[in-house]
C-alpha atoms as a PDB file:
ATOM      1  CA  MET A   1     -10.705 -17.486  71.629  1.00  0.00           C
ATOM      2  CA  ILE A   2     -10.194 -20.536  73.860  1.00  0.00           C
ATOM      3  CA  LEU A   3      -8.722 -19.857  77.304  1.00  0.00           C
ATOM      4  CA  ASN A   4      -6.359 -22.497  78.638  1.00  0.00           C
ATOM      5  CA  ASP A   5      -6.564 -23.802  82.208  1.00  0.00           C
ATOM      6  CA  ILE A   6      -3.860 -21.494  83.562  1.00  0.00           C
ATOM      7  CA  MET A   7      -5.501 -18.420  82.035  1.00  0.00           C
ATOM      8  CA  ILE A   8      -8.836 -19.408  83.549  1.00  0.00           C
ATOM      9  CA  ARG A   9      -7.108 -19.716  86.918  1.00  0.00           C
ATOM     10  CA  LYS A  10      -5.576 -16.261  86.530  1.00  0.00           C
ATOM     11  CA  MET A  11      -8.955 -14.778  85.690  1.00  0.00           C
ATOM     12  CA  SER A  12     -10.511 -16.484  88.705  1.00  0.00           C
ATOM     13  CA  ASP A  13      -7.810 -14.787  90.803  1.00  0.00           C
ATOM     14  CA  LYS A  14      -9.183 -11.492  89.406  1.00  0.00           C
ATOM     15  CA  LEU A  15      -5.743 -10.321  88.337  1.00  0.00           C
ATOM     16  CA  PRO A  16      -5.528  -7.688  85.585  1.00  0.00           C
ATOM     17  CA  SER A  17      -2.639  -7.213  83.170  1.00  0.00           C
ATOM     18  CA  GLY A  18      -0.371  -4.163  83.206  1.00  0.00           C
ATOM     19  CA  VAL A  19       3.093  -2.621  83.319  1.00  0.00           C
ATOM     20  CA  GLY A  20       5.002  -1.715  86.465  1.00  0.00           C
ATOM     21  CA  ILE A  21       8.353  -0.492  87.699  1.00  0.00           C
ATOM     22  CA  ASN A  22      10.504  -1.511  90.637  1.00  0.00           C
ATOM     23  CA  PHE A  23      10.415   0.999  93.486  1.00  0.00           C
ATOM     24  CA  ARG A  24      13.508   3.168  93.987  1.00  0.00           C
ATOM     25  CA  HIS A  25      13.521   6.089  96.402  1.00  0.00           C
ATOM     26  CA  GLU A  26      15.846   7.984  94.026  1.00  0.00           C
ATOM     27  CA  ILE A  27      12.975   8.485  91.560  1.00  0.00           C
ATOM     28  CA  MET A  28      10.109   8.753  94.043  1.00  0.00           C
ATOM     29  CA  ASN A  29       9.174  12.290  93.007  1.00  0.00           C
ATOM     30  CA  ASP A  30       9.381  11.388  89.328  1.00  0.00           C
ATOM     31  CA  LEU A  31       7.063   8.427  89.886  1.00  0.00           C
ATOM     32  CA  LEU A  32       4.529  10.648  91.635  1.00  0.00           C
ATOM     33  CA  LEU A  33       4.638  13.046  88.681  1.00  0.00           C
ATOM     34  CA  ASN A  34       4.076  10.241  86.156  1.00  0.00           C
ATOM     35  CA  LEU A  35       1.443   8.033  87.770  1.00  0.00           C
ATOM     36  CA  ASN A  36      -0.305   7.359  84.461  1.00  0.00           C
ATOM     37  CA  SER A  37       2.855   5.816  83.030  1.00  0.00           C
ATOM     38  CA  PHE A  38       2.649   2.639  85.111  1.00  0.00           C
ATOM     39  CA  ASP A  39      -0.062   0.429  86.595  1.00  0.00           C
ATOM     40  CA  PHE A  40       1.680  -0.873  89.715  1.00  0.00           C
ATOM     41  CA  ILE A  41       5.001  -0.902  91.555  1.00  0.00           C
ATOM     42  CA  GLU A  42       7.212  -3.804  92.519  1.00  0.00           C
ATOM     43  CA  ILE A  43       8.810  -3.558  95.947  1.00  0.00           C
ATOM     44  CA  ILE A  44      11.730  -5.516  97.348  1.00  0.00           C
ATOM     45  CA  THR A  45      10.141  -7.106 100.405  1.00  0.00           C
ATOM     46  CA  ASP A  46      13.414  -6.983 102.334  1.00  0.00           C
ATOM     47  CA  LEU A  47      13.137  -3.172 102.466  1.00  0.00           C
ATOM     48  CA  PHE A  48      10.361  -3.613 105.021  1.00  0.00           C
ATOM     49  CA  PHE A  49      12.539  -5.787 107.248  1.00  0.00           C
ATOM     50  CA  VAL A  50      15.100  -3.076 108.023  1.00  0.00           C
ATOM     51  CA  THR A  51      12.648  -1.052 110.068  1.00  0.00           C
ATOM     52  CA  ASN A  52       9.038  -1.293 111.154  1.00  0.00           C
ATOM     53  CA  THR A  53       8.259   1.967 109.379  1.00  0.00           C
ATOM     54  CA  ILE A  54       8.632   3.134 105.795  1.00  0.00           C
ATOM     55  CA  PRO A  55       9.041   6.680 104.435  1.00  0.00           C
ATOM     56  CA  ASP A  56       5.814   8.673 104.234  1.00  0.00           C
ATOM     57  CA  ALA A  57       6.279   9.211 100.502  1.00  0.00           C
ATOM     58  CA  MET A  58       6.464   5.463  99.913  1.00  0.00           C
ATOM     59  CA  ALA A  59       3.421   4.822 102.106  1.00  0.00           C
ATOM     60  CA  ASN A  60       1.513   7.463 100.146  1.00  0.00           C
ATOM     61  CA  LEU A  61       2.507   5.862  96.848  1.00  0.00           C
ATOM     62  CA  LEU A  62       1.256   2.495  98.104  1.00  0.00           C
ATOM     63  CA  LYS A  63      -2.125   4.102  98.743  1.00  0.00           C
ATOM     64  CA  ILE A  64      -2.237   5.360  95.163  1.00  0.00           C
ATOM     65  CA  LYS A  65      -0.778   2.446  93.233  1.00  0.00           C
ATOM     66  CA  PRO A  66      -1.169  -1.290  93.819  1.00  0.00           C
ATOM     67  CA  CYS A  67       1.959  -3.357  94.357  1.00  0.00           C
ATOM     68  CA  VAL A  68       3.615  -6.731  93.991  1.00  0.00           C
ATOM     69  CA  PHE A  69       6.412  -8.014  96.229  1.00  0.00           C
ATOM     70  CA  HIS A  70       9.792  -9.377  95.202  1.00  0.00           C
ATOM     71  CA  SER A  71      12.067 -11.023  97.771  1.00  0.00           C
ATOM     72  CA  LEU A  72      15.816 -11.622  97.725  1.00  0.00           C
ATOM     73  CA  LYS A  73      16.675 -14.071 100.482  1.00  0.00           C
ATOM     74  CA  THR A  74      14.127 -16.866 100.642  1.00  0.00           C
ATOM     75  CA  SER A  75      17.040 -19.005  99.386  1.00  0.00           C
ATOM     76  CA  LEU A  76      14.926 -21.795  97.943  1.00  0.00           C
ATOM     77  CA  GLY A  77      17.994 -23.756  96.843  1.00  0.00           C
ATOM     78  CA  SER A  78      19.786 -23.876 100.195  1.00  0.00           C
ATOM     79  CA  ALA A  79      20.288 -27.318 101.715  1.00  0.00           C
ATOM     80  CA  GLU A  80      18.959 -25.996 105.009  1.00  0.00           C
ATOM     81  CA  ALA A  81      15.307 -25.493 105.878  1.00  0.00           C
ATOM     82  CA  LEU A  82      13.646 -22.172 105.167  1.00  0.00           C
ATOM     83  CA  ASP A  83      14.399 -19.332 107.563  1.00  0.00           C
ATOM     84  CA  GLU A  84      11.149 -19.220 109.525  1.00  0.00           C
ATOM     85  CA  SER A  85      11.635 -15.632 110.676  1.00  0.00           C
ATOM     86  CA  TYR A  86      12.193 -14.508 107.078  1.00  0.00           C
ATOM     87  CA  ILE A  87       9.054 -16.285 105.903  1.00  0.00           C
ATOM     88  CA  GLU A  88       7.002 -14.873 108.779  1.00  0.00           C
ATOM     89  CA  ASN A  89       8.272 -11.346 108.054  1.00  0.00           C
ATOM     90  CA  THR A  90       7.293 -11.815 104.420  1.00  0.00           C
ATOM     91  CA  ILE A  91       3.803 -13.038 105.309  1.00  0.00           C
ATOM     92  CA  ASN A  92       3.330 -10.161 107.772  1.00  0.00           C
ATOM     93  CA  CYS A  93       4.220  -7.670 105.028  1.00  0.00           C
ATOM     94  CA  ILE A  94       1.816  -9.390 102.661  1.00  0.00           C
ATOM     95  CA  ASN A  95      -0.998  -9.165 105.183  1.00  0.00           C
ATOM     96  CA  LYS A  96      -0.322  -5.471 105.798  1.00  0.00           C
ATOM     97  CA  TRP A  97       0.301  -4.159 102.272  1.00  0.00           C
ATOM     98  CA  LYS A  98      -1.766  -6.668 100.269  1.00  0.00           C
ATOM     99  CA  PRO A  99       0.258  -7.135  97.070  1.00  0.00           C
ATOM    100  CA  TYR A 100      -1.244  -8.933  94.081  1.00  0.00           C
ATOM    101  CA  TRP A 101       1.472 -11.615  94.175  1.00  0.00           C
ATOM    102  CA  PHE A 102       4.975 -12.173  95.549  1.00  0.00           C
ATOM    103  CA  SER A 103       8.119 -13.798  94.219  1.00  0.00           C
ATOM    104  CA  ASP A 104      11.705 -14.812  94.790  1.00  0.00           C
ATOM    105  CA  HIS A 105      14.566 -16.253  92.783  1.00  0.00           C
ATOM    106  CA  LEU A 106      15.235 -19.869  91.891  1.00  0.00           C
ATOM    107  CA  SER A 107      18.625 -19.772  93.574  1.00  0.00           C
ATOM    108  CA  TYR A 108      20.319 -19.947  96.920  1.00  0.00           C
ATOM    109  CA  ILE A 109      21.964 -17.128  98.817  1.00  0.00           C
ATOM    110  CA  LYS A 110      22.602 -18.756 102.202  1.00  0.00           C
ATOM    111  CA  ILE A 111      25.051 -21.506 103.129  1.00  0.00           C
ATOM    112  CA  SER A 112      24.379 -22.512 106.734  1.00  0.00           C
ATOM    113  CA  ASP A 113      24.552 -19.185 108.580  1.00  0.00           C
ATOM    114  CA  ILE A 114      26.632 -17.499 105.872  1.00  0.00           C
ATOM    115  CA  ASP A 115      24.929 -14.960 103.606  1.00  0.00           C
ATOM    116  CA  ALA A 116      26.695 -15.002 100.232  1.00  0.00           C
ATOM    117  CA  ASN A 117      24.965 -11.724  99.295  1.00  0.00           C
ATOM    118  CA  GLN A 118      24.750 -13.104  95.771  1.00  0.00           C
ATOM    119  CA  LEU A 119      22.123 -15.154  93.949  1.00  0.00           C
ATOM    120  CA  LEU A 120      23.851 -18.463  93.212  1.00  0.00           C
ATOM    121  CA  PRO A 121      22.798 -21.140  90.696  1.00  0.00           C
ATOM    122  CA  ILE A 122      21.401 -24.439  91.921  1.00  0.00           C
ATOM    123  CA  ARG A 123      22.696 -27.852  90.903  1.00  0.00           C
ATOM    124  CA  ARG A 124      19.761 -29.200  88.929  1.00  0.00           C
ATOM    125  CA  ASN A 125      19.280 -32.684  90.336  1.00  0.00           C
ATOM    126  CA  LYS A 126      16.405 -34.717  91.802  1.00  0.00           C
ATOM    127  CA  LYS A 127      17.483 -34.095  95.391  1.00  0.00           C
ATOM    128  CA  ASN A 128      17.381 -30.317  94.987  1.00  0.00           C
ATOM    129  CA  LEU A 129      14.188 -30.514  92.954  1.00  0.00           C
ATOM    130  CA  ASP A 130      12.384 -32.337  95.758  1.00  0.00           C
ATOM    131  CA  LEU A 131      13.796 -29.943  98.354  1.00  0.00           C
ATOM    132  CA  ILE A 132      12.629 -26.856  96.468  1.00  0.00           C
ATOM    133  CA  VAL A 133       9.200 -28.324  95.745  1.00  0.00           C
ATOM    134  CA  GLU A 134       8.597 -28.957  99.447  1.00  0.00           C
ATOM    135  CA  LYS A 135       9.736 -25.432 100.352  1.00  0.00           C
ATOM    136  CA  ILE A 136       7.404 -23.848  97.815  1.00  0.00           C
ATOM    137  CA  LYS A 137       4.495 -25.991  98.984  1.00  0.00           C
ATOM    138  CA  TYR A 138       5.202 -24.830 102.537  1.00  0.00           C
ATOM    139  CA  ILE A 139       5.216 -21.174 101.454  1.00  0.00           C
ATOM    140  CA  LYS A 140       1.961 -21.666  99.565  1.00  0.00           C
ATOM    141  CA  ARG A 141       0.320 -23.131 102.654  1.00  0.00           C
ATOM    142  CA  LYS A 142       1.093 -19.877 104.470  1.00  0.00           C
ATOM    143  CA  THR A 143      -0.911 -17.691 102.085  1.00  0.00           C
ATOM    144  CA  ASN A 144      -3.375 -17.949  99.203  1.00  0.00           C
ATOM    145  CA  LEU A 145      -1.468 -15.259  97.316  1.00  0.00           C
ATOM    146  CA  PRO A 146       0.247 -16.426  94.097  1.00  0.00           C
ATOM    147  CA  PHE A 147       3.955 -17.171  94.652  1.00  0.00           C
ATOM    148  CA  LEU A 148       6.348 -16.964  91.693  1.00  0.00           C
ATOM    149  CA  ILE A 149       9.879 -18.214  91.058  1.00  0.00           C
ATOM    150  CA  GLU A 150      12.318 -16.254  88.892  1.00  0.00           C
ATOM    151  CA  ASN A 151      15.055 -17.526  86.585  1.00  0.00           C
ATOM    152  CA  ILE A 152      18.371 -15.898  87.546  1.00  0.00           C
ATOM    153  CA  THR A 153      21.466 -14.710  85.716  1.00  0.00           C
ATOM    154  CA  TYR A 154      24.254 -17.204  86.348  1.00  0.00           C
ATOM    155  CA  TYR A 155      27.897 -16.759  85.413  1.00  0.00           C
ATOM    156  CA  PHE A 156      28.913 -20.376  86.053  1.00  0.00           C
ATOM    157  CA  ASN A 157      27.242 -23.784  86.132  1.00  0.00           C
ATOM    158  CA  MET A 158      27.355 -26.026  89.193  1.00  0.00           C
ATOM    159  CA  GLY A 159      27.968 -29.092  87.030  1.00  0.00           C
ATOM    160  CA  ASP A 160      26.634 -32.657  87.302  1.00  0.00           C
ATOM    161  CA  ASP A 161      23.148 -31.464  86.345  1.00  0.00           C
ATOM    162  CA  GLU A 162      20.467 -34.102  85.850  1.00  0.00           C
ATOM    163  CA  PHE A 163      18.044 -31.645  84.224  1.00  0.00           C
ATOM    164  CA  THR A 164      18.272 -28.783  81.788  1.00  0.00           C
ATOM    165  CA  GLU A 165      17.190 -25.430  83.205  1.00  0.00           C
ATOM    166  CA  SER A 166      13.854 -25.587  81.394  1.00  0.00           C
ATOM    167  CA  GLU A 167      13.196 -29.149  82.601  1.00  0.00           C
ATOM    168  CA  PHE A 168      14.059 -28.179  86.171  1.00  0.00           C
ATOM    169  CA  ILE A 169      11.759 -25.156  86.128  1.00  0.00           C
ATOM    170  CA  ASN A 170       8.920 -27.060  84.459  1.00  0.00           C
ATOM    171  CA  ASN A 171       9.087 -29.817  87.063  1.00  0.00           C
ATOM    172  CA  ILE A 172       8.853 -27.261  89.871  1.00  0.00           C
ATOM    173  CA  LEU A 173       5.929 -25.481  88.215  1.00  0.00           C
ATOM    174  CA  ASN A 174       4.045 -28.697  87.554  1.00  0.00           C
ATOM    175  CA  GLU A 175       4.593 -30.143  91.037  1.00  0.00           C
ATOM    176  CA  THR A 176       3.753 -26.973  92.979  1.00  0.00           C
ATOM    177  CA  SER A 177       1.452 -24.980  90.646  1.00  0.00           C
ATOM    178  CA  CYS A 178       3.410 -21.869  91.588  1.00  0.00           C
ATOM    179  CA  GLY A 179       3.826 -19.118  89.025  1.00  0.00           C
ATOM    180  CA  LEU A 180       6.830 -18.092  86.948  1.00  0.00           C
ATOM    181  CA  LEU A 181       8.489 -14.697  86.935  1.00  0.00           C
ATOM    182  CA  LEU A 182      10.256 -14.844  83.584  1.00  0.00           C
ATOM    183  CA  ASP A 183      13.249 -12.505  83.495  1.00  0.00           C
ATOM    184  CA  LEU A 184      13.977 -11.944  79.816  1.00  0.00           C
ATOM    185  CA  ASN A 185      17.170  -9.990  80.379  1.00  0.00           C
ATOM    186  CA  ASN A 186      18.512 -12.817  82.536  1.00  0.00           C
ATOM    187  CA  LEU A 187      17.563 -15.265  79.794  1.00  0.00           C
ATOM    188  CA  TYR A 188      19.275 -13.194  77.105  1.00  0.00           C
ATOM    189  CA  LEU A 189      22.484 -12.695  79.106  1.00  0.00           C
ATOM    190  CA  ASN A 190      22.653 -16.398  79.966  1.00  0.00           C
ATOM    191  CA  SER A 191      22.157 -17.308  76.311  1.00  0.00           C
ATOM    192  CA  LYS A 192      25.124 -15.130  75.351  1.00  0.00           C
ATOM    193  CA  ASN A 193      27.373 -16.225  78.206  1.00  0.00           C
ATOM    194  CA  HIS A 194      26.559 -19.936  77.853  1.00  0.00           C
ATOM    195  CA  ASN A 195      25.964 -20.125  74.108  1.00  0.00           C
ATOM    196  CA  PHE A 196      22.387 -21.330  73.745  1.00  0.00           C
ATOM    197  CA  ASP A 197      19.295 -20.178  71.856  1.00  0.00           C
ATOM    198  CA  PRO A 198      16.916 -18.181  74.109  1.00  0.00           C
ATOM    199  CA  TYR A 199      14.000 -18.950  71.796  1.00  0.00           C
ATOM    200  CA  GLN A 200      14.659 -22.663  72.211  1.00  0.00           C
ATOM    201  CA  PHE A 201      14.444 -22.113  75.969  1.00  0.00           C
ATOM    202  CA  LEU A 202      11.115 -20.298  75.532  1.00  0.00           C
ATOM    203  CA  SER A 203       9.814 -23.161  73.398  1.00  0.00           C
ATOM    204  CA  GLU A 204      10.712 -25.642  76.147  1.00  0.00           C
ATOM    205  CA  ILE A 205       9.431 -23.743  79.186  1.00  0.00           C
ATOM    206  CA  ASP A 206       5.734 -23.906  80.091  1.00  0.00           C
ATOM    207  CA  LEU A 207       4.859 -20.273  79.444  1.00  0.00           C
ATOM    208  CA  SER A 208       1.303 -20.740  80.684  1.00  0.00           C
ATOM    209  CA  TYR A 209       2.647 -20.371  84.243  1.00  0.00           C
ATOM    210  CA  VAL A 210       4.069 -16.896  83.588  1.00  0.00           C
ATOM    211  CA  TYR A 211       2.460 -14.244  85.766  1.00  0.00           C
ATOM    212  CA  GLU A 212       5.178 -11.620  85.461  1.00  0.00           C
ATOM    213  CA  ILE A 213       8.031 -10.672  83.151  1.00  0.00           C
ATOM    214  CA  HIS A 214      11.115  -8.675  84.100  1.00  0.00           C
ATOM    215  CA  ILE A 215      12.903  -6.508  81.577  1.00  0.00           C
ATOM    216  CA  ALA A 216      16.163  -4.728  82.317  1.00  0.00           C
ATOM    217  CA  GLY A 217      19.420  -3.600  80.772  1.00  0.00           C
ATOM    218  CA  GLY A 218      22.940  -4.932  80.981  1.00  0.00           C
ATOM    219  CA  PHE A 219      26.354  -4.456  79.418  1.00  0.00           C
ATOM    220  CA  LEU A 220      29.307  -6.351  77.965  1.00  0.00           C
ATOM    221  CA  ARG A 221      32.619  -6.315  79.841  1.00  0.00           C
ATOM    222  CA  ASP A 222      35.678  -8.379  78.955  1.00  0.00           C
ATOM    223  CA  GLY A 223      33.562 -10.789  76.939  1.00  0.00           C
ATOM    224  CA  LEU A 224      31.013 -11.321  79.728  1.00  0.00           C
ATOM    225  CA  TYR A 225      27.431 -10.050  79.610  1.00  0.00           C
ATOM    226  CA  ILE A 226      26.571  -8.427  82.959  1.00  0.00           C
ATOM    227  CA  ASP A 227      23.110  -7.853  84.453  1.00  0.00           C
ATOM    228  CA  SER A 228      23.272  -4.226  85.650  1.00  0.00           C
ATOM    229  CA  HIS A 229      19.695  -2.888  85.840  1.00  0.00           C
ATOM    230  CA  ALA A 230      21.335   0.404  84.874  1.00  0.00           C
ATOM    231  CA  HIS A 231      21.133   0.511  81.088  1.00  0.00           C
ATOM    232  CA  SER A 232      18.507   0.771  78.371  1.00  0.00           C
ATOM    233  CA  ILE A 233      16.698  -2.363  77.242  1.00  0.00           C
ATOM    234  CA  SER A 234      18.641  -3.997  74.421  1.00  0.00           C
ATOM    235  CA  GLN A 235      16.959  -4.773  71.116  1.00  0.00           C
ATOM    236  CA  PRO A 236      17.278  -8.570  71.603  1.00  0.00           C
ATOM    237  CA  VAL A 237      15.395  -8.299  74.920  1.00  0.00           C
ATOM    238  CA  TRP A 238      12.643  -6.254  73.258  1.00  0.00           C
ATOM    239  CA  GLU A 239      12.358  -8.968  70.615  1.00  0.00           C
ATOM    240  CA  LEU A 240      12.133 -11.660  73.298  1.00  0.00           C
ATOM    241  CA  LEU A 241       9.365  -9.655  74.979  1.00  0.00           C
ATOM    242  CA  GLU A 242       7.450  -9.297  71.720  1.00  0.00           C
ATOM    243  CA  PHE A 243       7.727 -13.022  71.070  1.00  0.00           C
ATOM    244  CA  THR A 244       6.674 -14.011  74.596  1.00  0.00           C
ATOM    245  CA  CYS A 245       3.703 -11.641  74.585  1.00  0.00           C
ATOM    246  CA  SER A 246       2.595 -13.078  71.259  1.00  0.00           C
ATOM    247  CA  GLU A 247       2.419 -16.490  72.936  1.00  0.00           C
ATOM    248  CA  ILE A 248       0.894 -15.607  76.321  1.00  0.00           C
ATOM    249  CA  THR A 249      -0.381 -12.619  78.275  1.00  0.00           C
ATOM    250  CA  PRO A 250       1.493 -11.985  81.521  1.00  0.00           C
ATOM    251  CA  ASN A 251      -0.290 -10.236  84.370  1.00  0.00           C
ATOM    252  CA  GLY A 252       2.625  -7.874  84.725  1.00  0.00           C
ATOM    253  CA  ILE A 253       5.705  -6.598  82.918  1.00  0.00           C
ATOM    254  CA  VAL A 254       8.123  -4.896  85.302  1.00  0.00           C
ATOM    255  CA  LEU A 255      10.983  -2.610  84.357  1.00  0.00           C
ATOM    256  CA  GLU A 256      13.910  -3.073  86.735  1.00  0.00           C
ATOM    257  CA  ARG A 257      16.063   0.050  86.987  1.00  0.00           C
ATOM    258  CA  ASP A 258      18.481   0.411  89.902  1.00  0.00           C
ATOM    259  CA  ALA A 259      20.933   3.078  88.701  1.00  0.00           C
ATOM    260  CA  ASN A 260      21.488   5.696  85.974  1.00  0.00           C
ATOM    261  CA  PHE A 261      17.943   6.993  86.339  1.00  0.00           C
ATOM    262  CA  ASP A 262      17.224   8.578  82.971  1.00  0.00           C
ATOM    263  CA  MET A 263      13.513   9.362  83.300  1.00  0.00           C
ATOM    264  CA  LYS A 264      13.122   9.995  79.589  1.00  0.00           C
ATOM    265  CA  ASP A 265      14.395   6.490  78.868  1.00  0.00           C
ATOM    266  CA  ILE A 266      12.358   5.001  81.737  1.00  0.00           C
ATOM    267  CA  LEU A 267       9.105   6.563  80.502  1.00  0.00           C
ATOM    268  CA  PHE A 268       9.861   5.499  76.929  1.00  0.00           C
ATOM    269  CA  THR A 269      10.470   1.934  78.117  1.00  0.00           C
ATOM    270  CA  LEU A 270       7.228   1.789  80.100  1.00  0.00           C
ATOM    271  CA  GLU A 271       5.231   3.075  77.138  1.00  0.00           C
ATOM    272  CA  LYS A 272       6.827   0.614  74.723  1.00  0.00           C
ATOM    273  CA  ALA A 273       6.202  -2.274  77.119  1.00  0.00           C
ATOM    274  CA  LYS A 274       2.544  -1.211  77.409  1.00  0.00           C
ATOM    275  CA  ASN A 275       2.166  -1.225  73.641  1.00  0.00           C
ATOM    276  CA  ILE A 276       3.643  -4.715  73.380  1.00  0.00           C
ATOM    277  CA  LEU A 277       1.514  -6.037  76.235  1.00  0.00           C
ATOM    278  CA  SER A 278      -1.722  -4.582  74.866  1.00  0.00           C
ATOM    279  CA  SER A 279      -1.287  -6.611  71.674  1.00  0.00           C
ATOM    280  CA  SER A 280      -0.950  -9.943  73.514  1.00  0.00           C
ATOM    281  CA  PRO A 281      -3.732 -12.537  73.082  1.00  0.00           C
ATOM    282  CA  TYR A 282      -5.606 -12.396  76.416  1.00  0.00           C
ATOM    283  CA  TYR A 283      -4.991  -8.764  77.349  1.00  0.00           C
ATOM    284  CA  LEU A 284      -8.613  -7.670  76.932  1.00  0.00           C
ATOM    285  CA  ASP A 285      -9.979 -10.756  78.693  1.00  0.00           C
ATOM    286  CA  LEU A 286      -7.877 -10.102  81.785  1.00  0.00           C
ATOM    287  CA  ASN A 287      -8.622  -6.403  81.953  1.00  0.00           C
ATOM    288  CA  ASN A 288     -12.339  -6.907  81.377  1.00  0.00           C
ATOM    289  CA  ASN A 289     -12.268  -9.343  84.283  1.00  0.00           C
ATOM    290  CA  ALA A 290     -10.376  -7.109  86.734  1.00  0.00           C
ATOM    291  CA  SER A 291      -8.683  -3.747  87.122  1.00  0.00           C
ATOM    292  CA  TRP A 292      -5.695  -2.470  89.063  1.00  0.00           C
ATOM    293  CA  GLU A 293      -6.879  -1.265  92.459  1.00  0.00           C
ATOM    294  CA  CYS A 294      -5.106  -0.531  95.736  1.00  0.00           C
ATOM    295  CA  ARG A 295      -5.932  -3.176  98.308  1.00  0.00           C
ATOM    296  CA  ILE A 296      -4.983  -1.314 101.492  1.00  0.00           C
END
C-alpha cells in the first residue's frame, strides 16, 4: 500500500481515524451512557464565547473524550478583514481545550457590521479567491493546528462565477494547504436543488485534503431540499459516504444532529458510520500510528 503525500502528512500529525458526534446539551446524559459509541465530540466554538465558563457536565465530557472545534462566524468570504477578536477567542479556546483540528465554513455571514445569521454562498471569482487564501494563511500562522474549510448548503447562486465550486475549493486547498471538511449531506442537497451529479463533484475535488466528513439528515419541502440536522441519514448520503471512504480515509466522520434526538437512530448511525470507515484504505495505518486521547 503506497501512502500519498497528504496521508503521510496526516500520519506525521499523529491523527487517528474515528467517528464523532456534534455536542448537544439535550443528549448529554445519553452521550455519557454511550461513550463507546463514538471516538470524539465536535463542539461549536462559539458556545465558549457566550460565557467564560461551561457546564460541569460538558467539562467532564471533555476530560473523557477528545474533541474537534467547528466555528460559525469566521466569515471567510466577507469583503472585510477577519474579526480579530473572534480569531483571538478561537485561538484561546484552542489553547485551553486542545482539539485535534478546527474548522469553519467556506461562506460569509457578516456584511460590514451586520450579522446575517445565515451562511451565505460566495461569488467564486479571483478576487474572492485571493481574499480567502490570505485569510486562511493568516489563521494558519496563529496556530499549528490543522484548519479545515467546509462546503455549505446554498439555496441560490451569486452569479458571475469564474470558477466551478470544485475548482474554487481546489484552488484554496492547493494555495493554503488547509484541510477540507467535506459535508456529504450539503453536497447531496445541493446536487438535488441545483441539478448536478454529486459523484462528478467528488471526482473533481481533491479528496486527499479531506480530514473530516459531516453526515446529517434533511427533508424535502415544496420542491426544495432543506438541510435540517434533524432527520435520519438518507440512503443517497450513505452511498456517498461509502464511495468517499473507498477512495480516501478521513480522520473523522461526524454525525450532526441538532433536533429530534432519537437515540436509537443516533446510535445506529454512529455504528454504521464506524463500519464504513473501518473498511476504508488507510484506516489501519492511521490507527496504528495514533489513538484518540484527551489532550487536556
